[in-house]
N, C-alpha and C. Protein backbone atom coordinates (compact mmCIF):
# COMPACT_ATOMS: atom_id res chain seq x y z
N UNK A 1 59.25 -76.44 91.82
CA UNK A 1 59.86 -74.79 91.99
C UNK A 1 61.11 -74.72 90.32
N UNK A 2 60.88 -73.57 90.38
CA UNK A 2 62.37 -73.04 89.61
C UNK A 2 63.83 -73.20 90.12
N UNK A 3 64.50 -72.99 89.31
CA UNK A 3 65.92 -73.07 90.03
C UNK A 3 66.64 -71.70 88.86
N UNK A 4 67.10 -71.15 89.93
CA UNK A 4 67.66 -69.69 89.59
C UNK A 4 68.97 -70.15 89.96
N UNK A 5 69.59 -68.39 88.94
CA UNK A 5 71.21 -68.73 89.06
C UNK A 5 71.16 -67.62 89.19
N UNK A 6 72.47 -67.32 90.29
CA UNK A 6 72.86 -65.76 90.49
C UNK A 6 74.50 -65.91 90.58
N UNK A 7 74.76 -65.13 90.30
CA UNK A 7 76.12 -64.40 90.05
C UNK A 7 76.77 -63.50 91.42
N UNK A 8 77.56 -63.94 91.60
CA UNK A 8 78.34 -62.93 92.69
C UNK A 8 79.16 -61.70 91.94
N UNK A 9 79.13 -60.27 92.48
CA UNK A 9 79.65 -59.46 91.64
C UNK A 9 81.10 -59.76 92.02
N UNK A 10 81.60 -60.18 93.66
CA UNK A 10 83.05 -59.71 94.24
C UNK A 10 83.58 -60.93 93.91
N UNK A 11 83.06 -62.29 94.26
CA UNK A 11 84.19 -63.53 94.53
C UNK A 11 83.61 -64.57 92.90
N UNK A 12 82.56 -63.94 91.87
CA UNK A 12 82.31 -64.31 91.20
C UNK A 12 81.73 -65.44 90.59
N UNK A 13 81.59 -66.47 91.64
CA UNK A 13 80.92 -67.71 92.40
C UNK A 13 79.49 -67.72 91.27
N UNK A 14 78.93 -68.87 90.50
CA UNK A 14 77.48 -68.66 90.19
C UNK A 14 77.14 -69.98 91.50
N UNK A 15 75.83 -69.68 91.73
CA UNK A 15 74.80 -70.92 92.88
C UNK A 15 73.70 -70.78 92.11
N UNK A 16 73.36 -71.99 91.82
CA UNK A 16 72.35 -72.21 91.43
C UNK A 16 71.02 -72.66 92.73
N UNK A 17 69.67 -71.66 92.78
CA UNK A 17 69.45 -71.90 93.85
C UNK A 17 67.36 -72.53 93.53
N UNK A 18 66.81 -73.29 94.29
CA UNK A 18 65.49 -73.76 93.78
C UNK A 18 64.92 -72.78 95.12
N UNK A 19 64.13 -71.73 94.35
CA UNK A 19 62.90 -70.74 94.71
C UNK A 19 61.73 -70.69 94.15
N UNK A 20 60.92 -70.35 94.83
CA UNK A 20 59.47 -70.05 94.77
C UNK A 20 59.21 -69.18 93.92
N UNK A 21 58.30 -68.99 93.10
CA UNK A 21 58.19 -67.82 91.94
C UNK A 21 58.12 -66.56 93.10
N UNK A 22 57.31 -66.80 93.98
CA UNK A 22 56.44 -65.86 95.30
C UNK A 22 57.89 -65.13 96.07
N UNK A 23 59.30 -66.24 96.03
CA UNK A 23 60.21 -65.62 96.87
C UNK A 23 60.86 -64.59 96.38
N UNK A 24 61.30 -63.32 96.86
CA UNK A 24 61.90 -62.37 96.83
C UNK A 24 63.28 -62.73 96.35
N UNK A 25 63.94 -62.05 95.11
CA UNK A 25 65.51 -62.59 94.69
C UNK A 25 66.55 -62.29 95.81
N UNK A 26 67.44 -63.66 95.89
CA UNK A 26 68.83 -63.31 96.75
C UNK A 26 69.39 -61.85 96.34
N UNK A 27 70.01 -61.43 97.59
CA UNK A 27 70.51 -60.01 97.12
C UNK A 27 72.03 -60.23 97.75
N UNK A 28 72.55 -61.03 98.67
CA UNK A 28 73.64 -61.51 99.05
C UNK A 28 74.24 -62.68 99.16
N UNK A 29 75.68 -62.68 98.67
CA UNK A 29 76.45 -64.10 98.61
C UNK A 29 76.54 -65.15 99.84
N UNK A 30 76.11 -66.15 99.62
CA UNK A 30 75.88 -66.64 101.21
C UNK A 30 78.02 -67.08 101.45
N UNK A 31 78.57 -67.05 100.67
CA UNK A 31 80.30 -67.56 100.72
C UNK A 31 80.50 -66.25 101.32
N UNK A 32 80.97 -64.88 100.32
CA UNK A 32 81.45 -63.92 100.44
C UNK A 32 80.56 -62.78 100.96
N UNK A 33 79.81 -62.46 101.12
CA UNK A 33 78.67 -61.39 101.02
C UNK A 33 78.57 -60.57 100.37
N UNK A 34 79.29 -60.83 99.09
CA UNK A 34 78.86 -59.96 97.90
C UNK A 34 77.65 -59.41 97.34
N UNK A 35 77.46 -58.86 96.30
CA UNK A 35 76.15 -58.86 95.92
C UNK A 35 75.67 -59.60 94.72
N UNK A 36 74.57 -60.62 94.63
CA UNK A 36 74.35 -61.36 93.62
C UNK A 36 73.67 -60.42 92.48
N UNK A 37 73.57 -60.67 91.02
CA UNK A 37 72.86 -60.73 90.22
C UNK A 37 72.52 -61.99 89.57
N UNK A 38 71.08 -61.70 89.36
CA UNK A 38 70.47 -63.05 89.09
C UNK A 38 70.68 -62.95 87.31
N UNK A 39 70.99 -64.30 87.01
CA UNK A 39 71.56 -64.48 85.38
C UNK A 39 70.10 -65.00 84.57
N UNK A 40 70.08 -65.23 83.75
CA UNK A 40 69.12 -65.48 82.75
C UNK A 40 69.79 -66.66 82.33
N UNK A 41 69.17 -68.11 82.60
CA UNK A 41 69.46 -68.95 82.11
C UNK A 41 68.74 -69.55 80.61
N UNK A 42 68.67 -71.07 80.01
CA UNK A 42 68.09 -71.75 79.56
C UNK A 42 67.24 -72.87 80.42
N UNK A 43 66.07 -72.42 80.30
CA UNK A 43 65.38 -73.56 81.53
C UNK A 43 64.64 -74.92 80.92
N UNK A 44 64.62 -76.03 80.92
CA UNK A 44 63.85 -77.34 80.75
C UNK A 44 63.04 -77.35 81.85
N UNK A 45 62.01 -78.18 81.06
CA UNK A 45 60.93 -78.96 82.05
C UNK A 45 60.62 -80.22 81.68
N UNK A 46 59.76 -80.75 82.17
CA UNK A 46 59.36 -82.59 81.90
C UNK A 46 58.18 -82.27 82.36
N UNK A 47 57.35 -82.77 81.61
CA UNK A 47 55.39 -82.88 80.92
C UNK A 47 55.40 -84.55 82.25
N UNK A 48 55.03 -84.13 83.12
CA UNK A 48 54.28 -85.12 83.98
C UNK A 48 53.16 -85.58 84.00
N UNK A 49 52.72 -86.62 84.15
CA UNK A 49 51.39 -87.10 84.12
C UNK A 49 50.60 -87.52 82.80
N UNK A 50 49.16 -87.73 82.86
CA UNK A 50 48.74 -88.07 81.80
C UNK A 50 48.01 -86.66 81.06
N UNK A 51 47.67 -87.26 80.30
CA UNK A 51 46.87 -86.00 79.32
C UNK A 51 48.29 -85.19 78.08
N UNK A 52 49.49 -85.39 78.15
CA UNK A 52 49.98 -84.78 77.45
C UNK A 52 50.67 -86.08 76.07
N UNK A 53 50.88 -85.48 74.78
CA UNK A 53 51.25 -86.17 73.75
C UNK A 53 52.03 -87.08 74.53
N UNK A 54 53.28 -87.08 74.71
CA UNK A 54 54.37 -87.74 75.50
C UNK A 54 53.68 -89.19 75.96
N UNK A 55 53.36 -89.06 76.96
CA UNK A 55 52.43 -90.20 77.59
C UNK A 55 51.19 -90.56 76.97
N UNK A 56 50.38 -90.09 76.30
CA UNK A 56 49.16 -90.43 75.93
C UNK A 56 48.90 -90.61 74.17
N UNK A 57 49.69 -90.16 73.43
CA UNK A 57 49.22 -89.85 72.12
C UNK A 57 50.77 -89.98 71.15
N UNK A 58 51.43 -90.39 71.53
CA UNK A 58 52.83 -90.80 71.06
C UNK A 58 52.88 -92.08 70.80
N UNK A 59 53.38 -92.37 69.33
CA UNK A 59 53.69 -93.71 68.98
C UNK A 59 54.38 -94.62 69.90
N UNK A 60 53.66 -95.95 69.77
CA UNK A 60 54.70 -96.66 70.68
C UNK A 60 56.11 -97.53 69.78
N UNK A 61 57.18 -97.94 70.04
CA UNK A 61 58.59 -98.57 69.33
C UNK A 61 57.58 -99.74 68.64
N UNK A 62 58.29 -99.63 67.52
CA UNK A 62 57.93 -101.18 67.04
C UNK A 62 58.85 -102.44 67.82
N UNK A 63 59.71 -102.03 68.59
CA UNK A 63 59.89 -103.17 69.30
C UNK A 63 59.38 -103.62 70.57
N UNK A 64 57.77 -102.74 70.57
CA UNK A 64 56.54 -103.39 71.58
C UNK A 64 55.90 -104.70 70.34
N UNK A 65 56.07 -103.99 69.25
CA UNK A 65 55.35 -104.92 68.41
C UNK A 65 55.75 -106.30 68.11
N UNK A 66 57.18 -106.26 68.48
CA UNK A 66 57.70 -107.13 68.12
C UNK A 66 57.43 -108.44 69.16
N UNK A 67 57.59 -107.82 70.66
CA UNK A 67 57.08 -109.09 72.17
C UNK A 67 56.17 -109.30 71.57
N UNK A 68 55.45 -108.64 71.35
CA UNK A 68 53.65 -109.18 71.08
C UNK A 68 53.51 -110.35 70.07
N UNK A 69 54.77 -110.63 68.74
CA UNK A 69 54.91 -111.70 68.43
C UNK A 69 55.27 -112.54 68.82
N UNK A 70 56.30 -112.32 69.57
CA UNK A 70 56.91 -113.42 70.45
C UNK A 70 56.12 -114.60 71.38
N UNK A 71 54.76 -113.73 72.05
CA UNK A 71 53.86 -113.71 73.23
C UNK A 71 53.38 -114.78 72.01
N UNK A 72 52.76 -114.76 71.20
CA UNK A 72 51.70 -115.48 70.25
C UNK A 72 52.36 -116.35 69.60
N UNK A 73 54.04 -116.19 69.39
CA UNK A 73 54.54 -117.87 69.44
C UNK A 73 55.07 -118.81 70.63
N UNK A 74 54.90 -117.91 71.84
CA UNK A 74 55.01 -119.05 72.95
C UNK A 74 53.78 -119.68 72.95
N UNK A 75 52.89 -118.93 72.69
CA UNK A 75 51.15 -119.50 73.29
C UNK A 75 51.25 -120.55 72.22
N UNK A 76 51.50 -120.35 70.98
CA UNK A 76 51.19 -121.78 70.01
C UNK A 76 52.22 -122.82 70.79
N UNK A 77 53.21 -122.61 70.90
CA UNK A 77 54.35 -123.54 71.67
C UNK A 77 53.54 -124.38 72.29
N UNK A 78 53.25 -123.58 73.58
CA UNK A 78 52.53 -124.39 74.35
C UNK A 78 51.22 -125.39 74.15
N UNK A 79 50.87 -124.87 73.40
CA UNK A 79 49.44 -125.04 72.57
C UNK A 79 49.85 -126.41 71.92
N UNK A 80 50.49 -126.90 70.95
CA UNK A 80 51.30 -128.15 70.58
C UNK A 80 51.93 -128.82 71.42
N UNK A 81 52.75 -128.36 72.64
CA UNK A 81 53.02 -129.33 73.76
C UNK A 81 51.84 -130.10 74.23
N UNK A 82 50.68 -129.10 74.91
CA UNK A 82 49.39 -129.62 75.42
C UNK A 82 49.19 -130.98 74.57
N UNK A 83 48.77 -130.64 73.19
CA UNK A 83 48.22 -131.29 72.34
C UNK A 83 48.95 -132.61 72.62
N UNK A 84 50.45 -132.43 71.77
CA UNK A 84 51.15 -133.86 71.83
C UNK A 84 51.24 -134.86 73.04
N UNK A 85 50.66 -134.14 74.41
CA UNK A 85 50.59 -134.78 75.60
C UNK A 85 49.36 -135.41 75.74
N UNK A 86 48.78 -134.76 75.10
CA UNK A 86 46.70 -135.65 74.94
C UNK A 86 47.14 -136.92 74.07
N UNK A 87 47.74 -136.36 72.88
CA UNK A 87 48.01 -137.89 72.25
C UNK A 87 48.71 -139.03 72.88
N UNK A 88 50.02 -138.74 73.06
CA UNK A 88 50.51 -139.58 74.08
C UNK A 88 49.98 -140.17 75.33
N UNK A 89 49.08 -140.04 75.64
CA UNK A 89 48.35 -140.32 77.19
C UNK A 89 47.05 -140.79 76.32
N UNK A 90 46.18 -140.71 75.52
CA UNK A 90 45.53 -142.09 74.80
C UNK A 90 45.75 -143.29 74.48
């Protein structure tokens, strides 16, 4: 649901209200009862879920590639430890 901004003509207080698109605009200030004027403000939104460029198609950071290298290094260290244990047990 969008957030709308209203300014009171009497007390000059600005109110942010979450409303459905289908709801009627507010007419009276909840603080003083003055007439409200709907303001035009810059809106922002976030694309959530799958199927968006941000979630599915954007390139991953190179830091992810660096972590893969560390995993392969750890596996090779584990292999050499296992091999050295086998040799010492013979």
